[in-house]
Structure formats: structure tokens, C-alpha cells
């Protein structure tokens, strides 16, 4: 099947030239395809998220400063807040550790009292106490955690305590800072 070319008459050519005489030629011959409009960009939210990421990646970000509601925090009145911040950041070298796993409440209380006396006697100021997360207890609730919290707040020699960093037991352990021995 061959197509025949139609010849254009001279009159038609003249009409066409007359119709397009004021048209300027395009610098390009590409036709841009139709583009759907993009939804608006939430620029402020993107700036906020970028700031959060930058803060998290900076040297000043401390994951230990985020609270989930399960952490224990205590600072004796009159003690500088920087001590608690440094304790939370793990900046104190742990001098002694007590593991209360598997103990019932009376055993844990006795072990804690003995441990604190021994640390005080040996002038050990920074401790770690592992109370557990309660997964082995009745109804999977941390019983010793609440007891240790209350017991430590009653001790005059305790300046501050907080939940440990995740590498040291997280919310299943605490760091404790004791007063200097006189």
C-alpha cells in the first residue's frame, strides 16, 4: 500500500504564508509533556525534621536525655543537676555492682542495705544496681524496681540515681551516686 502525496496548490501556500506571517519561530522544537501539579511541600515540617536529625547526629545529642516513662530518676534536693546529667550519660566509673535478680523483697532489701554499707566503708561513690524488669515476677510487673526506688530515696548517703544506659541494663538497672565519705 503506497500513499500518494497530495500536491499543495500555489494558492494554498500563499494563504498559509499570509496566515503565519507574524509568527516568530521557536528557539526549540521540544514540547513539554503535561505535568500533574505536585502536592504542596510542608517546608516547615521538613526543616523541623532536619533539625532533629542534625541534633541527633551532633556531638551534643544525648539519647540518655530522652524519657520513656519507665526510667527512675532521683536527685536529692540541693544537689546540682549536672551530677544527675553526668550520671545519666554514664560519665562516672562504676565502682561496684549489685544484682538483685531472683531475690524476693526481704532478701533484696537486706542485700541492698549491706551493699550500700560496704560501698560507703570502701569509699565507693558510683554504683550500679540491677533490679531487673520484672519479667520473671508475677504478672510480669517490676516489683523490685519500685522498692529499690523507694529504699534509695530514704538513704541520706544517696545523692542521685537514674536508670542505666541501654548498654548497662537500661530500665532494668540504675546508676547510684553516693556522698563522699567524711
C-alpha atoms as a PDB file:
ATOM      1  CA  UNK A   1       0.000   0.000   0.000  1.00  0.00           C
ATOM      2  CA  UNK A   2       1.586   3.155  -1.113  1.00  0.00           C
ATOM      3  CA  UNK A   3       0.372   6.540  -0.148  1.00  0.00           C
ATOM      4  CA  UNK A   4       0.068   9.203  -2.681  1.00  0.00           C
ATOM      5  CA  UNK A   5       1.335  12.639  -1.822  1.00  0.00           C
ATOM      6  CA  UNK A   6      -1.172  15.362  -2.350  1.00  0.00           C
ATOM      7  CA  UNK A   7       0.175  18.362  -4.085  1.00  0.00           C
ATOM      8  CA  UNK A   8      -0.459  21.707  -2.473  1.00  0.00           C
ATOM      9  CA  UNK A   9      -1.620  24.413  -4.770  1.00  0.00           C
ATOM     10  CA  UNK A  10       0.168  27.730  -5.035  1.00  0.00           C
ATOM     11  CA  UNK A  11      -2.958  29.462  -3.784  1.00  0.00           C
ATOM     12  CA  UNK A  12      -2.975  27.302  -0.574  1.00  0.00           C
ATOM     13  CA  UNK A  13       0.701  28.065   0.023  1.00  0.00           C
ATOM     14  CA  UNK A  14       0.068  31.774  -0.258  1.00  0.00           C
ATOM     15  CA  UNK A  15      -2.874  31.566   2.149  1.00  0.00           C
ATOM     16  CA  UNK A  16      -0.745  29.666   4.671  1.00  0.00           C
ATOM     17  CA  UNK A  17       2.105  32.169   4.437  1.00  0.00           C
ATOM     18  CA  UNK A  18      -0.316  35.035   4.909  1.00  0.00           C
ATOM     19  CA  UNK A  19      -1.808  33.332   7.995  1.00  0.00           C
ATOM     20  CA  UNK A  20       1.559  32.745   9.712  1.00  0.00           C
ATOM     21  CA  UNK A  21       3.468  35.840   8.615  1.00  0.00           C
ATOM     22  CA  UNK A  22       3.503  37.396  12.156  1.00  0.00           C
ATOM     23  CA  UNK A  23       4.522  34.148  13.913  1.00  0.00           C
ATOM     24  CA  UNK A  24       8.034  34.060  15.366  1.00  0.00           C
ATOM     25  CA  UNK A  25       9.967  30.801  15.131  1.00  0.00           C
ATOM     26  CA  UNK A  26      10.597  28.886  18.381  1.00  0.00           C
ATOM     27  CA  UNK A  27      14.123  28.522  19.724  1.00  0.00           C
ATOM     28  CA  UNK A  28      13.433  24.870  20.436  1.00  0.00           C
ATOM     29  CA  UNK A  29      11.140  22.345  18.937  1.00  0.00           C
ATOM     30  CA  UNK A  30      10.556  20.178  22.024  1.00  0.00           C
ATOM     31  CA  UNK A  31       7.090  20.140  23.519  1.00  0.00           C
ATOM     32  CA  UNK A  32       6.954  19.757  27.280  1.00  0.00           C
ATOM     33  CA  UNK A  33       4.579  16.993  28.388  1.00  0.00           C
ATOM     34  CA  UNK A  34       1.690  17.790  30.661  1.00  0.00           C
ATOM     35  CA  UNK A  35       2.722  17.594  34.273  1.00  0.00           C
ATOM     36  CA  UNK A  36       0.429  16.958  37.175  1.00  0.00           C
ATOM     37  CA  UNK A  37       0.710  19.521  39.919  1.00  0.00           C
ATOM     38  CA  UNK A  38       2.657  18.248  42.870  1.00  0.00           C
ATOM     39  CA  UNK A  39       1.084  18.498  46.295  1.00  0.00           C
ATOM     40  CA  UNK A  40       2.340  21.379  48.434  1.00  0.00           C
ATOM     41  CA  UNK A  41       5.617  20.739  50.235  1.00  0.00           C
ATOM     42  CA  UNK A  42       5.426  21.018  54.049  1.00  0.00           C
ATOM     43  CA  UNK A  43       8.593  23.078  54.251  1.00  0.00           C
ATOM     44  CA  UNK A  44       8.408  23.901  57.968  1.00  0.00           C
ATOM     45  CA  UNK A  45       7.930  20.256  58.917  1.00  0.00           C
ATOM     46  CA  UNK A  46      10.887  19.288  56.720  1.00  0.00           C
ATOM     47  CA  UNK A  47      13.030  21.959  58.393  1.00  0.00           C
ATOM     48  CA  UNK A  48      11.952  20.712  61.834  1.00  0.00           C
ATOM     49  CA  UNK A  49      12.740  17.096  60.939  1.00  0.00           C
ATOM     50  CA  UNK A  50      16.120  18.092  59.502  1.00  0.00           C
ATOM     51  CA  UNK A  51      16.892  19.966  62.713  1.00  0.00           C
ATOM     52  CA  UNK A  52      16.011  16.914  64.817  1.00  0.00           C
ATOM     53  CA  UNK A  53      18.249  14.696  62.678  1.00  0.00           C
ATOM     54  CA  UNK A  54      21.082  17.223  62.832  1.00  0.00           C
ATOM     55  CA  UNK A  55      20.736  17.435  66.622  1.00  0.00           C
ATOM     56  CA  UNK A  56      20.712  13.651  66.949  1.00  0.00           C
ATOM     57  CA  UNK A  57      23.843  13.347  64.829  1.00  0.00           C
ATOM     58  CA  UNK A  58      25.677  16.143  66.613  1.00  0.00           C
ATOM     59  CA  UNK A  59      28.069  15.633  69.464  1.00  0.00           C
ATOM     60  CA  UNK A  60      25.722  17.376  71.894  1.00  0.00           C
ATOM     61  CA  UNK A  61      22.787  14.942  71.488  1.00  0.00           C
ATOM     62  CA  UNK A  62      22.361  12.546  74.393  1.00  0.00           C
ATOM     63  CA  UNK A  63      19.961   9.655  73.911  1.00  0.00           C
ATOM     64  CA  UNK A  64      20.002   9.257  77.695  1.00  0.00           C
ATOM     65  CA  UNK A  65      18.112  12.548  77.935  1.00  0.00           C
ATOM     66  CA  UNK A  66      15.025  11.052  76.320  1.00  0.00           C
ATOM     67  CA  UNK A  67      12.478   9.762  78.801  1.00  0.00           C
ATOM     68  CA  UNK A  68      10.038   6.944  78.093  1.00  0.00           C
ATOM     69  CA  UNK A  69       8.207   6.968  81.430  1.00  0.00           C
ATOM     70  CA  UNK A  70       9.877   3.778  82.723  1.00  0.00           C
ATOM     71  CA  UNK A  71      13.065   5.474  83.909  1.00  0.00           C
ATOM     72  CA  UNK A  72      13.902   6.052  87.515  1.00  0.00           C
ATOM     73  CA  UNK A  73      15.286   9.491  88.298  1.00  0.00           C
ATOM     74  CA  UNK A  74      16.113  10.951  91.659  1.00  0.00           C
ATOM     75  CA  UNK A  75      18.161  13.946  92.726  1.00  0.00           C
ATOM     76  CA  UNK A  76      18.427  14.864  96.379  1.00  0.00           C
ATOM     77  CA  UNK A  77      17.308  18.476  96.972  1.00  0.00           C
ATOM     78  CA  UNK A  78      20.260  20.873  96.942  1.00  0.00           C
ATOM     79  CA  UNK A  79      22.423  18.637  94.736  1.00  0.00           C
ATOM     80  CA  UNK A  80      23.498  20.229  91.410  1.00  0.00           C
ATOM     81  CA  UNK A  81      21.526  18.960  88.408  1.00  0.00           C
ATOM     82  CA  UNK A  82      24.735  18.471  86.440  1.00  0.00           C
ATOM     83  CA  UNK A  83      25.559  15.472  88.674  1.00  0.00           C
ATOM     84  CA  UNK A  84      22.371  13.715  87.569  1.00  0.00           C
ATOM     85  CA  UNK A  85      23.017  14.628  83.928  1.00  0.00           C
ATOM     86  CA  UNK A  86      26.561  13.224  84.129  1.00  0.00           C
ATOM     87  CA  UNK A  87      25.283  10.112  85.886  1.00  0.00           C
ATOM     88  CA  UNK A  88      22.689   9.554  83.138  1.00  0.00           C
ATOM     89  CA  UNK A  89      25.366   9.948  80.499  1.00  0.00           C
ATOM     90  CA  UNK A  90      27.465   7.237  82.144  1.00  0.00           C
ATOM     91  CA  UNK A  91      30.327   9.599  82.932  1.00  0.00           C
ATOM     92  CA  UNK A  92      31.024   8.047  86.342  1.00  0.00           C
ATOM     93  CA  UNK A  93      33.136   4.916  86.518  1.00  0.00           C
ATOM     94  CA  UNK A  94      31.137   2.187  88.232  1.00  0.00           C
ATOM     95  CA  UNK A  95      32.967   1.076  91.375  1.00  0.00           C
ATOM     96  CA  UNK A  96      30.646  -1.716  92.493  1.00  0.00           C
ATOM     97  CA  UNK A  97      27.607  -3.629  91.301  1.00  0.00           C
ATOM     98  CA  UNK A  98      24.729  -5.468  92.957  1.00  0.00           C
ATOM     99  CA  UNK A  99      22.456  -7.888  91.098  1.00  0.00           C
ATOM    100  CA  UNK A 100      19.073  -8.455  92.753  1.00  0.00           C
ATOM    101  CA  UNK A 101      17.745 -10.933  90.157  1.00  0.00           C
ATOM    102  CA  UNK A 102      15.931 -13.856  91.722  1.00  0.00           C
ATOM    103  CA  UNK A 103      15.601 -12.256  95.162  1.00  0.00           C
ATOM    104  CA  UNK A 104      12.347 -11.685  96.964  1.00  0.00           C
ATOM    105  CA  UNK A 105      11.617  -8.313  98.617  1.00  0.00           C
ATOM    106  CA  UNK A 106      13.069  -9.050 102.102  1.00  0.00           C
ATOM    107  CA  UNK A 107      16.221 -10.600 100.614  1.00  0.00           C
ATOM    108  CA  UNK A 108      16.670  -7.676  98.215  1.00  0.00           C
ATOM    109  CA  UNK A 109      16.244  -5.118 100.998  1.00  0.00           C
ATOM    110  CA  UNK A 110      18.867  -6.811 103.156  1.00  0.00           C
ATOM    111  CA  UNK A 111      21.260  -7.207 100.201  1.00  0.00           C
ATOM    112  CA  UNK A 112      20.854  -3.546  99.232  1.00  0.00           C
ATOM    113  CA  UNK A 113      21.441  -2.276 102.792  1.00  0.00           C
ATOM    114  CA  UNK A 114      24.579  -4.425 103.134  1.00  0.00           C
ATOM    115  CA  UNK A 115      25.811  -3.368  99.712  1.00  0.00           C
ATOM    116  CA  UNK A 116      25.402   0.348 100.487  1.00  0.00           C
ATOM    117  CA  UNK A 117      27.211  -0.041 103.852  1.00  0.00           C
ATOM    118  CA  UNK A 118      30.083  -1.880 102.150  1.00  0.00           C
ATOM    119  CA  UNK A 119      30.372   0.751  99.403  1.00  0.00           C
ATOM    120  CA  UNK A 120      30.348   3.550 101.969  1.00  0.00           C
ATOM    121  CA  UNK A 121      33.001   1.793 104.049  1.00  0.00           C
ATOM    122  CA  UNK A 122      35.248   1.388 100.976  1.00  0.00           C
ATOM    123  CA  UNK A 123      34.560   4.933  99.726  1.00  0.00           C
ATOM    124  CA  UNK A 124      32.958   3.726  96.507  1.00  0.00           C
ATOM    125  CA  UNK A 125      30.719   6.519  95.176  1.00  0.00           C
ATOM    126  CA  UNK A 126      29.383   5.253  91.855  1.00  0.00           C
ATOM    127  CA  UNK A 127      27.357   2.033  91.795  1.00  0.00           C
ATOM    128  CA  UNK A 128      25.135   0.011  89.545  1.00  0.00           C
ATOM    129  CA  UNK A 129      22.200  -1.908  90.947  1.00  0.00           C
ATOM    130  CA  UNK A 130      20.449  -4.407  88.706  1.00  0.00           C
ATOM    131  CA  UNK A 131      16.844  -4.779  89.841  1.00  0.00           C
ATOM    132  CA  UNK A 132      15.501  -6.351  86.658  1.00  0.00           C
ATOM    133  CA  UNK A 133      12.457  -5.511  84.570  1.00  0.00           C
ATOM    134  CA  UNK A 134      10.067  -7.854  86.347  1.00  0.00           C
ATOM    135  CA  UNK A 135       9.657 -10.343  83.507  1.00  0.00           C
ATOM    136  CA  UNK A 136      10.142 -13.251  85.911  1.00  0.00           C
ATOM    137  CA  UNK A 137       7.727 -11.931  88.530  1.00  0.00           C
ATOM    138  CA  UNK A 138       4.005 -12.455  88.998  1.00  0.00           C
ATOM    139  CA  UNK A 139       2.049 -10.608  86.275  1.00  0.00           C
ATOM    140  CA  UNK A 140       5.369  -9.567  84.691  1.00  0.00           C
ATOM    141  CA  UNK A 141       5.496  -6.352  86.739  1.00  0.00           C
ATOM    142  CA  UNK A 142       8.790  -5.000  88.154  1.00  0.00           C
ATOM    143  CA  UNK A 143       8.330  -5.322  91.919  1.00  0.00           C
ATOM    144  CA  UNK A 144      11.930  -4.743  93.000  1.00  0.00           C
ATOM    145  CA  UNK A 145      12.275  -1.691  90.783  1.00  0.00           C
ATOM    146  CA  UNK A 146       9.686   0.260  92.771  1.00  0.00           C
ATOM    147  CA  UNK A 147      11.031  -0.991  96.084  1.00  0.00           C
ATOM    148  CA  UNK A 148      14.636  -0.040  95.221  1.00  0.00           C
ATOM    149  CA  UNK A 149      13.398   3.398  94.121  1.00  0.00           C
ATOM    150  CA  UNK A 150      11.711   3.977  97.489  1.00  0.00           C
ATOM    151  CA  UNK A 151      14.540   2.482  99.576  1.00  0.00           C
ATOM    152  CA  UNK A 152      17.260   4.560  97.930  1.00  0.00           C
ATOM    153  CA  UNK A 153      15.343   7.818  98.380  1.00  0.00           C
ATOM    154  CA  UNK A 154      15.245   7.133 102.128  1.00  0.00           C
ATOM    155  CA  UNK A 155      19.034   6.792 102.378  1.00  0.00           C
ATOM    156  CA  UNK A 156      20.850  10.009 103.292  1.00  0.00           C
ATOM    157  CA  UNK A 157      24.054   8.822 101.641  1.00  0.00           C
ATOM    158  CA  UNK A 158      22.347   8.641  98.204  1.00  0.00           C
ATOM    159  CA  UNK A 159      22.797  11.870  96.225  1.00  0.00           C
ATOM    160  CA  UNK A 160      21.208  10.758  92.968  1.00  0.00           C
ATOM    161  CA  UNK A 161      20.195   7.746  90.936  1.00  0.00           C
ATOM    162  CA  UNK A 162      18.838   7.103  87.473  1.00  0.00           C
ATOM    163  CA  UNK A 163      18.086   4.279  85.088  1.00  0.00           C
ATOM    164  CA  UNK A 164      21.160   2.925  83.370  1.00  0.00           C
ATOM    165  CA  UNK A 165      22.043   3.365  79.707  1.00  0.00           C
ATOM    166  CA  UNK A 166      20.790   0.577  77.455  1.00  0.00           C
ATOM    167  CA  UNK A 167      24.298  -0.928  77.289  1.00  0.00           C
ATOM    168  CA  UNK A 168      24.279  -1.322  81.092  1.00  0.00           C
ATOM    169  CA  UNK A 169      20.784  -2.752  81.546  1.00  0.00           C
ATOM    170  CA  UNK A 170      18.520   0.143  80.580  1.00  0.00           C
ATOM    171  CA  UNK A 171      15.398   0.389  82.716  1.00  0.00           C
ATOM    172  CA  UNK A 172      16.335  -2.891  84.429  1.00  0.00           C
ATOM    173  CA  UNK A 173      19.264  -1.288  86.265  1.00  0.00           C
ATOM    174  CA  UNK A 174      20.189   2.004  87.882  1.00  0.00           C
ATOM    175  CA  UNK A 175      23.289   4.049  88.466  1.00  0.00           C
ATOM    176  CA  UNK A 176      23.641   5.388  92.000  1.00  0.00           C
ATOM    177  CA  UNK A 177      25.855   8.215  93.216  1.00  0.00           C
ATOM    178  CA  UNK A 178      26.752   8.298  96.925  1.00  0.00           C
ATOM    179  CA  UNK A 179      28.056  11.147  99.095  1.00  0.00           C
ATOM    180  CA  UNK A 180      31.759  11.437  99.683  1.00  0.00           C
ATOM    181  CA  UNK A 181      32.926   9.817 102.883  1.00  0.00           C
ATOM    182  CA  UNK A 182      33.832  12.283 105.624  1.00  0.00           C
END
